[in-house]
Protein backbone atom coordinates (compact mmCIF):
# COMPACT_ATOMS: atom_id res chain seq x y z
CA MET A 1 3.50 26.14 -15.73
CA ALA A 2 0.15 25.21 -14.10
CA THR A 3 -2.25 27.91 -14.27
CA GLY A 4 -4.65 26.47 -11.54
CA VAL A 5 -7.18 23.74 -11.19
CA THR A 6 -10.84 23.10 -12.24
CA PHE A 7 -13.37 21.38 -9.85
CA VAL A 8 -17.06 20.50 -9.77
CA ASP A 9 -19.01 21.50 -6.77
CA THR A 10 -21.90 19.56 -5.06
CA ALA A 11 -24.39 21.43 -7.23
CA GLY A 12 -22.64 20.07 -10.38
CA GLU A 13 -21.22 23.42 -11.38
CA GLU A 14 -17.56 23.55 -12.87
CA TRP A 15 -15.33 26.11 -11.25
CA GLU A 16 -11.69 27.15 -12.05
CA GLN A 17 -9.51 28.36 -9.24
CA PRO A 18 -6.16 30.27 -10.53
CA ALA A 19 -3.15 29.43 -8.84
CA ASP A 20 0.56 30.49 -8.77
CA LEU A 21 1.41 27.28 -6.88
CA VAL A 22 -0.44 23.89 -7.27
CA ILE A 23 0.08 21.00 -4.63
CA LEU A 24 -1.26 17.59 -5.76
CA SER A 25 -2.03 15.37 -2.78
CA ALA A 26 -4.98 13.35 -3.78
CA TYR A 27 -3.69 9.85 -2.83
CA SER A 28 -1.46 7.70 -4.72
CA LEU A 29 -3.74 6.46 -7.51
CA PHE A 30 -5.72 9.69 -7.82
CA ASN A 31 -2.28 11.65 -8.19
CA VAL A 32 -1.45 9.54 -11.19
CA GLN A 33 -4.92 9.77 -12.53
CA LEU A 34 -4.95 13.54 -12.34
CA LEU A 35 -1.58 14.03 -13.96
CA LEU A 36 -2.65 11.57 -16.68
CA LEU A 37 -5.81 13.57 -17.25
CA SER A 38 -3.94 16.91 -17.10
CA LYS A 39 -1.43 15.51 -19.71
CA ILE A 40 1.48 16.32 -17.40
CA GLY A 41 4.62 14.19 -17.93
CA GLU A 42 4.88 11.25 -20.41
CA PRO A 43 2.64 8.21 -19.76
CA TYR A 44 4.55 5.27 -18.95
CA ASP A 45 4.81 2.43 -21.96
CA PRO A 46 5.65 -0.87 -20.47
CA VAL A 47 6.40 -2.38 -23.82
CA ALA A 48 8.91 0.35 -24.88
CA ASN A 49 9.92 0.78 -21.18
CA LYS A 50 9.55 4.73 -21.60
CA GLY A 51 7.54 7.32 -19.96
CA VAL A 52 7.21 8.14 -16.12
CA ILE A 53 3.68 8.65 -15.27
CA GLY A 54 2.31 5.38 -14.17
CA ARG A 55 5.58 3.73 -13.89
CA ASN A 56 6.79 1.76 -10.58
CA LEU A 57 3.43 0.76 -9.05
CA THR A 58 3.99 -1.19 -5.90
CA HIS A 59 1.71 -2.58 -3.22
CA GLN A 60 2.38 -4.95 -0.26
CA THR A 61 2.34 -8.35 0.25
CA VAL A 62 0.29 -9.06 3.01
CA SER A 63 -1.15 -12.20 4.87
CA THR A 64 -2.18 -13.62 8.28
CA VAL A 65 -1.92 -16.49 10.50
CA ASN A 66 -5.04 -17.54 12.65
CA GLY A 67 -4.36 -19.54 15.93
CA PHE A 68 -7.17 -21.56 17.46
CA PHE A 69 -6.68 -22.25 21.24
CA ASP A 70 -8.15 -24.29 23.95
CA SER A 71 -11.19 -22.17 24.94
CA LYS A 72 -11.02 -23.56 28.72
CA LYS A 73 -7.28 -22.29 29.07
CA PHE A 74 -7.38 -19.10 26.83
CA ASN A 75 -9.48 -15.95 26.93
CA PHE A 76 -8.14 -12.97 24.59
CA ASN A 77 -10.80 -10.81 25.06
CA PRO A 78 -10.68 -9.77 21.34
CA PHE A 79 -13.13 -6.84 21.64
CA ILE A 80 -10.71 -5.01 23.84
CA GLY A 81 -7.58 -3.32 22.39
CA SER A 82 -6.04 -0.79 20.13
CA GLY A 83 -3.15 -0.66 17.64
CA SER A 84 -0.89 0.86 20.16
CA ILE A 85 -0.90 -2.36 22.39
CA GLY A 86 0.39 -4.37 19.55
CA MET A 87 3.74 -6.03 19.23
CA CYS A 88 5.89 -6.19 15.98
CA ILE A 89 8.75 -8.08 15.00
CA ASP A 90 11.36 -6.56 12.74
CA GLU A 91 14.06 -9.35 12.53
CA PHE A 92 12.89 -10.44 9.06
CA ASN A 93 12.63 -7.14 7.59
CA GLY A 94 15.06 -5.61 4.94
CA ASP A 95 18.59 -6.64 5.52
CA ASN A 96 18.09 -7.89 8.93
CA PHE A 97 18.55 -11.56 8.14
CA ASP A 98 20.50 -13.45 5.71
CA HIS A 99 18.33 -14.06 2.33
CA GLY A 100 21.12 -16.46 0.72
CA PRO A 101 19.15 -19.90 1.35
CA HIS A 102 15.66 -18.46 0.84
CA GLY A 103 15.77 -17.34 -2.87
CA PHE A 104 14.34 -13.81 -2.48
CA VAL A 105 15.06 -10.23 -1.62
CA GLY A 106 13.27 -7.89 0.84
CA GLY A 107 11.19 -8.91 3.75
CA GLY A 108 8.70 -7.40 6.22
CA TYR A 109 7.43 -7.14 9.70
CA VAL A 110 5.25 -9.56 11.39
CA GLY A 111 2.69 -8.10 13.88
CA GLN A 112 0.08 -9.00 16.60
CA VAL A 113 -2.01 -6.06 16.90
CA GLN A 114 -5.51 -6.27 18.69
CA THR A 115 -7.52 -3.60 17.07
CA GLY A 116 -10.97 -4.44 18.54
CA ALA A 117 -13.58 -7.11 17.58
CA ARG A 118 -14.64 -5.96 14.10
CA PRO A 119 -18.06 -7.80 13.28
CA ILE A 120 -16.89 -10.01 10.38
CA GLU A 121 -13.13 -10.36 11.01
CA SER A 122 -13.71 -11.55 14.47
CA THR A 123 -16.12 -14.51 13.52
CA LEU A 124 -13.09 -16.97 12.85
CA VAL A 125 -13.76 -20.47 12.84
CA PRO A 126 -11.32 -23.63 12.45
CA PRO A 127 -10.57 -25.06 8.85
CA GLY A 128 -13.33 -27.48 7.80
CA THR A 129 -16.22 -25.66 9.63
CA PRO A 130 -19.32 -25.22 7.34
CA LYS A 131 -19.70 -21.73 6.17
CA TRP A 132 -23.14 -21.15 7.36
CA GLY A 133 -25.83 -22.79 9.45
CA ALA A 134 -26.01 -24.28 13.15
CA ALA A 135 -22.28 -25.61 13.10
CA TRP A 136 -20.91 -22.36 11.95
CA LYS A 137 -22.76 -20.53 14.63
CA ASN A 138 -21.63 -22.89 17.26
CA ALA A 139 -17.98 -22.80 16.02
CA VAL A 140 -18.06 -18.96 16.39
CA ARG A 141 -19.49 -19.08 19.69
CA ASP A 142 -17.03 -21.64 20.87
CA ASN A 143 -13.95 -20.13 19.37
CA TYR A 144 -14.67 -16.13 19.75
CA LEU A 145 -12.76 -15.49 22.92
CA SER A 146 -9.66 -18.05 22.34
CA THR A 147 -8.82 -17.19 18.69
CA VAL A 148 -5.91 -15.13 17.65
CA LYS A 149 -5.91 -13.16 14.62
CA PRO A 150 -3.44 -10.63 14.06
CA GLY A 151 -4.80 -7.20 13.31
CA SER A 152 -1.61 -6.52 11.11
CA GLY A 153 -0.13 -9.99 10.31
CA VAL A 154 2.67 -10.06 7.80
CA HIS A 155 3.31 -6.83 5.82
CA GLY A 156 5.99 -7.51 3.30
CA SER A 157 7.75 -5.34 0.69
CA PHE A 158 6.76 -5.33 -3.07
CA TYR A 159 9.27 -4.14 -5.40
CA ALA A 160 8.74 -2.37 -8.83
CA TYR A 161 8.50 -4.42 -11.93
CA ARG A 162 8.40 -3.45 -15.75
CA ASP A 163 4.93 -5.06 -16.09
CA VAL A 164 3.17 -3.52 -12.98
CA TYR A 165 1.98 -0.13 -13.68
CA LEU A 166 -0.90 2.28 -13.85
CA ASP A 167 -2.57 3.88 -16.94
CA LEU A 168 -5.93 5.19 -17.94
CA ASP A 169 -8.67 2.74 -18.79
CA PRO A 170 -9.71 2.57 -22.24
CA THR A 171 -13.29 1.57 -21.70
CA TYR A 172 -14.58 2.60 -18.09
CA ARG A 173 -15.29 6.28 -17.43
CA ASP A 174 -16.63 8.28 -14.48
CA ARG A 175 -19.58 10.40 -14.24
CA PHE A 176 -17.73 13.35 -16.00
CA GLY A 177 -16.72 11.15 -18.82
CA ARG A 178 -13.05 10.85 -17.83
CA PRO A 179 -11.28 7.66 -18.07
CA LEU A 180 -10.84 5.58 -14.76
CA MET A 181 -7.56 4.66 -13.34
CA ARG A 182 -6.71 1.21 -14.66
CA MET A 183 -4.13 -0.89 -12.31
CA THR A 184 -2.05 -3.77 -14.01
CA ILE A 185 -0.44 -5.70 -11.29
CA ASP A 186 0.62 -9.26 -10.18
CA PHE A 187 2.83 -10.86 -7.58
CA HIS A 188 6.04 -12.27 -8.82
CA ASP A 189 8.11 -15.08 -7.65
CA ASN A 190 10.20 -12.87 -5.35
CA GLU A 191 7.07 -11.74 -3.45
CA VAL A 192 5.35 -15.12 -3.32
CA LYS A 193 8.60 -16.67 -1.82
CA GLN A 194 8.91 -13.78 0.66
CA ASN A 195 5.49 -13.95 1.83
CA ALA A 196 5.59 -17.83 2.41
CA PHE A 197 8.79 -17.26 4.32
CA LEU A 198 7.26 -14.60 6.61
CA THR A 199 3.87 -16.59 7.09
CA ASP A 200 5.74 -19.63 8.11
CA LYS A 201 7.77 -17.67 10.54
CA PHE A 202 4.64 -16.20 12.10
CA ALA A 203 2.92 -19.62 12.19
CA GLU A 204 5.79 -21.03 14.28
CA ILE A 205 5.14 -18.18 16.88
CA ILE A 206 1.48 -18.78 16.91
CA GLN A 207 2.25 -22.47 17.41
CA ALA A 208 4.64 -21.98 20.37
CA MET A 209 2.12 -19.97 22.05
CA GLY A 210 -0.02 -23.06 22.40
CA ALA A 211 -2.50 -23.17 19.53
CA ASN A 212 -4.45 -26.15 18.91
CA GLN A 213 -4.76 -25.55 15.45
CA VAL A 214 -2.91 -22.84 13.04
CA ALA A 215 -4.30 -21.75 9.81
CA LYS A 216 -2.06 -19.89 7.31
CA GLN A 217 -3.44 -17.49 4.82
CA TYR A 218 -0.53 -17.04 2.34
CA ARG A 219 -0.56 -14.20 -0.40
CA VAL A 220 -0.22 -16.07 -3.68
CA ALA A 221 -0.38 -15.20 -7.29
CA PRO A 222 -2.55 -14.54 -9.32
CA TYR A 223 -3.48 -11.23 -7.69
CA ASP A 224 -6.82 -11.41 -6.24
CA VAL A 225 -8.75 -7.96 -6.00
CA THR A 226 -11.47 -9.57 -3.65
CA GLN A 227 -8.84 -9.97 -0.71
CA TYR A 228 -8.24 -6.83 1.02
CA GLN A 229 -4.59 -6.21 1.51
CA THR A 230 -3.93 -2.63 2.95
CA THR A 231 -4.68 0.53 0.91
CA HIS A 232 -0.84 1.19 0.82
CA VAL A 233 -0.70 1.32 -2.96
CA ASN A 234 2.53 3.36 -3.88
CA GLY A 235 4.26 4.57 -6.94
CA GLY A 236 3.27 5.91 -10.18
CA ALA A 237 4.73 9.44 -10.08
CA ILE A 238 8.01 8.68 -8.24
CA VAL A 239 10.91 10.57 -7.42
CA GLY A 240 14.39 10.17 -9.18
CA ALA A 241 17.43 12.00 -10.20
CA ASP A 242 16.59 11.64 -14.10
CA PRO A 243 13.75 13.00 -15.75
CA LYS A 244 13.72 10.34 -18.24
CA THR A 245 12.75 7.61 -15.57
CA SER A 246 11.07 9.63 -12.97
CA ALA A 247 8.18 12.18 -12.59
CA LEU A 248 9.56 14.50 -9.70
CA ASN A 249 12.69 15.66 -8.25
CA ARG A 250 14.08 15.08 -4.63
CA TYR A 251 11.61 17.96 -3.49
CA LEU A 252 8.54 16.21 -5.01
CA GLN A 253 8.63 18.98 -7.78
CA SER A 254 7.13 18.15 -11.31
CA TRP A 255 10.00 17.87 -13.79
CA ASP A 256 7.70 19.01 -16.32
CA VAL A 257 5.81 21.65 -14.60
CA PRO A 258 7.95 23.56 -11.96
CA ASN A 259 5.16 25.14 -10.12
CA LEU A 260 3.38 21.65 -9.43
CA PHE A 261 4.29 19.63 -6.19
CA VAL A 262 2.89 16.02 -5.78
CA LEU A 263 2.96 14.76 -2.52
CA GLY A 264 2.11 11.34 -1.12
CA ALA A 265 3.15 7.66 -1.56
CA SER A 266 3.04 7.83 -5.21
CA ALA A 267 6.47 9.28 -4.97
CA PHE A 268 7.89 5.86 -3.85
CA PRO A 269 10.02 4.11 -6.53
CA GLN A 270 9.93 0.78 -4.34
CA ASN A 271 7.71 -0.29 -1.39
CA ALA A 272 9.89 -1.42 1.67
CA GLY A 273 8.52 -3.65 4.38
CA TYR A 274 7.21 -0.92 6.26
CA ASN A 275 3.71 1.03 6.26
CA PRO A 276 4.18 4.45 4.13
CA THR A 277 2.85 6.79 6.63
CA GLY A 278 6.10 8.16 8.42
CA THR A 279 7.84 8.37 5.17
CA VAL A 280 5.00 9.99 3.56
CA ALA A 281 4.83 12.54 6.25
CA ALA A 282 8.70 13.23 6.15
CA LEU A 283 8.69 13.85 2.28
CA ALA A 284 5.72 16.14 2.84
CA PHE A 285 7.61 18.20 5.60
CA PHE A 286 10.66 18.19 3.28
CA ALA A 287 8.89 19.37 0.22
CA ALA A 288 6.99 22.12 2.30
CA ALA A 289 10.41 23.32 3.73
CA ALA A 290 11.72 23.51 0.19
CA ILE A 291 8.64 25.46 -1.02
CA ARG A 292 8.75 27.88 1.66
CA ASN A 293 12.59 28.50 1.89
CA GLN A 294 13.47 28.02 -1.69
CA TYR A 295 10.54 28.05 -4.26
CA LEU A 296 8.72 31.10 -2.98
CA LYS A 297 11.93 33.38 -2.67
CA ASN A 298 12.71 32.46 -6.14
CA PRO A 299 10.06 30.49 -8.14
CA GLY A 300 11.47 27.88 -10.72
CA ARG A 301 13.05 24.57 -10.78
CA LEU A 302 14.89 23.65 -7.62
CA VAL A 303 16.80 20.91 -9.17
CA ASP A 304 18.26 21.10 -12.73
CA ALA A 305 16.92 18.67 -15.41
């Protein structure tokens, strides 16, 4: 059983908060780190393919297509907009299309979402433009109003692999001397093929809109940490029916510590071609209902191990 939590306040003083019930909801990566530091659950071993904490790390395969249009004919006013005015196409997500000829499973959505003119993202220039100097400045000026950059672009699925996982770093530590979270990840052929397919489909749409020039930015291997591609990092403390291959039962309750519930996208065994927010909220509501209606009335395991 968990007896509570310890924390350090802004003055650097360590405190212990006793608790009969502990809910861990510290974001996907930090959920896993805290479980490992607390020695709750068996750490995942990718060589032996055993253990559960750190297993099934997944991300997303995200890319974009930039369209450069005739500035005399098109004015997109990129400084105006919000996510709610965007349009997303779901025809290439999940099983909505025939995967047979394409050599991959999964998919994703493509979205044109105008989220406002972010200072760096909105200074797009056509391929071949110098990266600095007068020519770059002129290109920014000439293309600012007539360039399409998806605020969402392509958001594709990312499935779990044996060699993609989380563990505690053997070298680097935080200011309290605790090991940092280490992420071992790369794209596999399935994700690379899927992203190429979706990116090309999006480019066809931008081209049909009348772009003079289309610049595709594929997501490729090896995984490049310098390219932001959402914070939708999932898995590591997954839900399942078997304690040997999962960290949590269907109510997000720890198999090992029954008064501990772990909420967040760390529970996802796979990452579908959708953003996780809705599913995370639904799972949190489901777990909260189980805690209130079942666990508090009779504390203990809600599912037999």
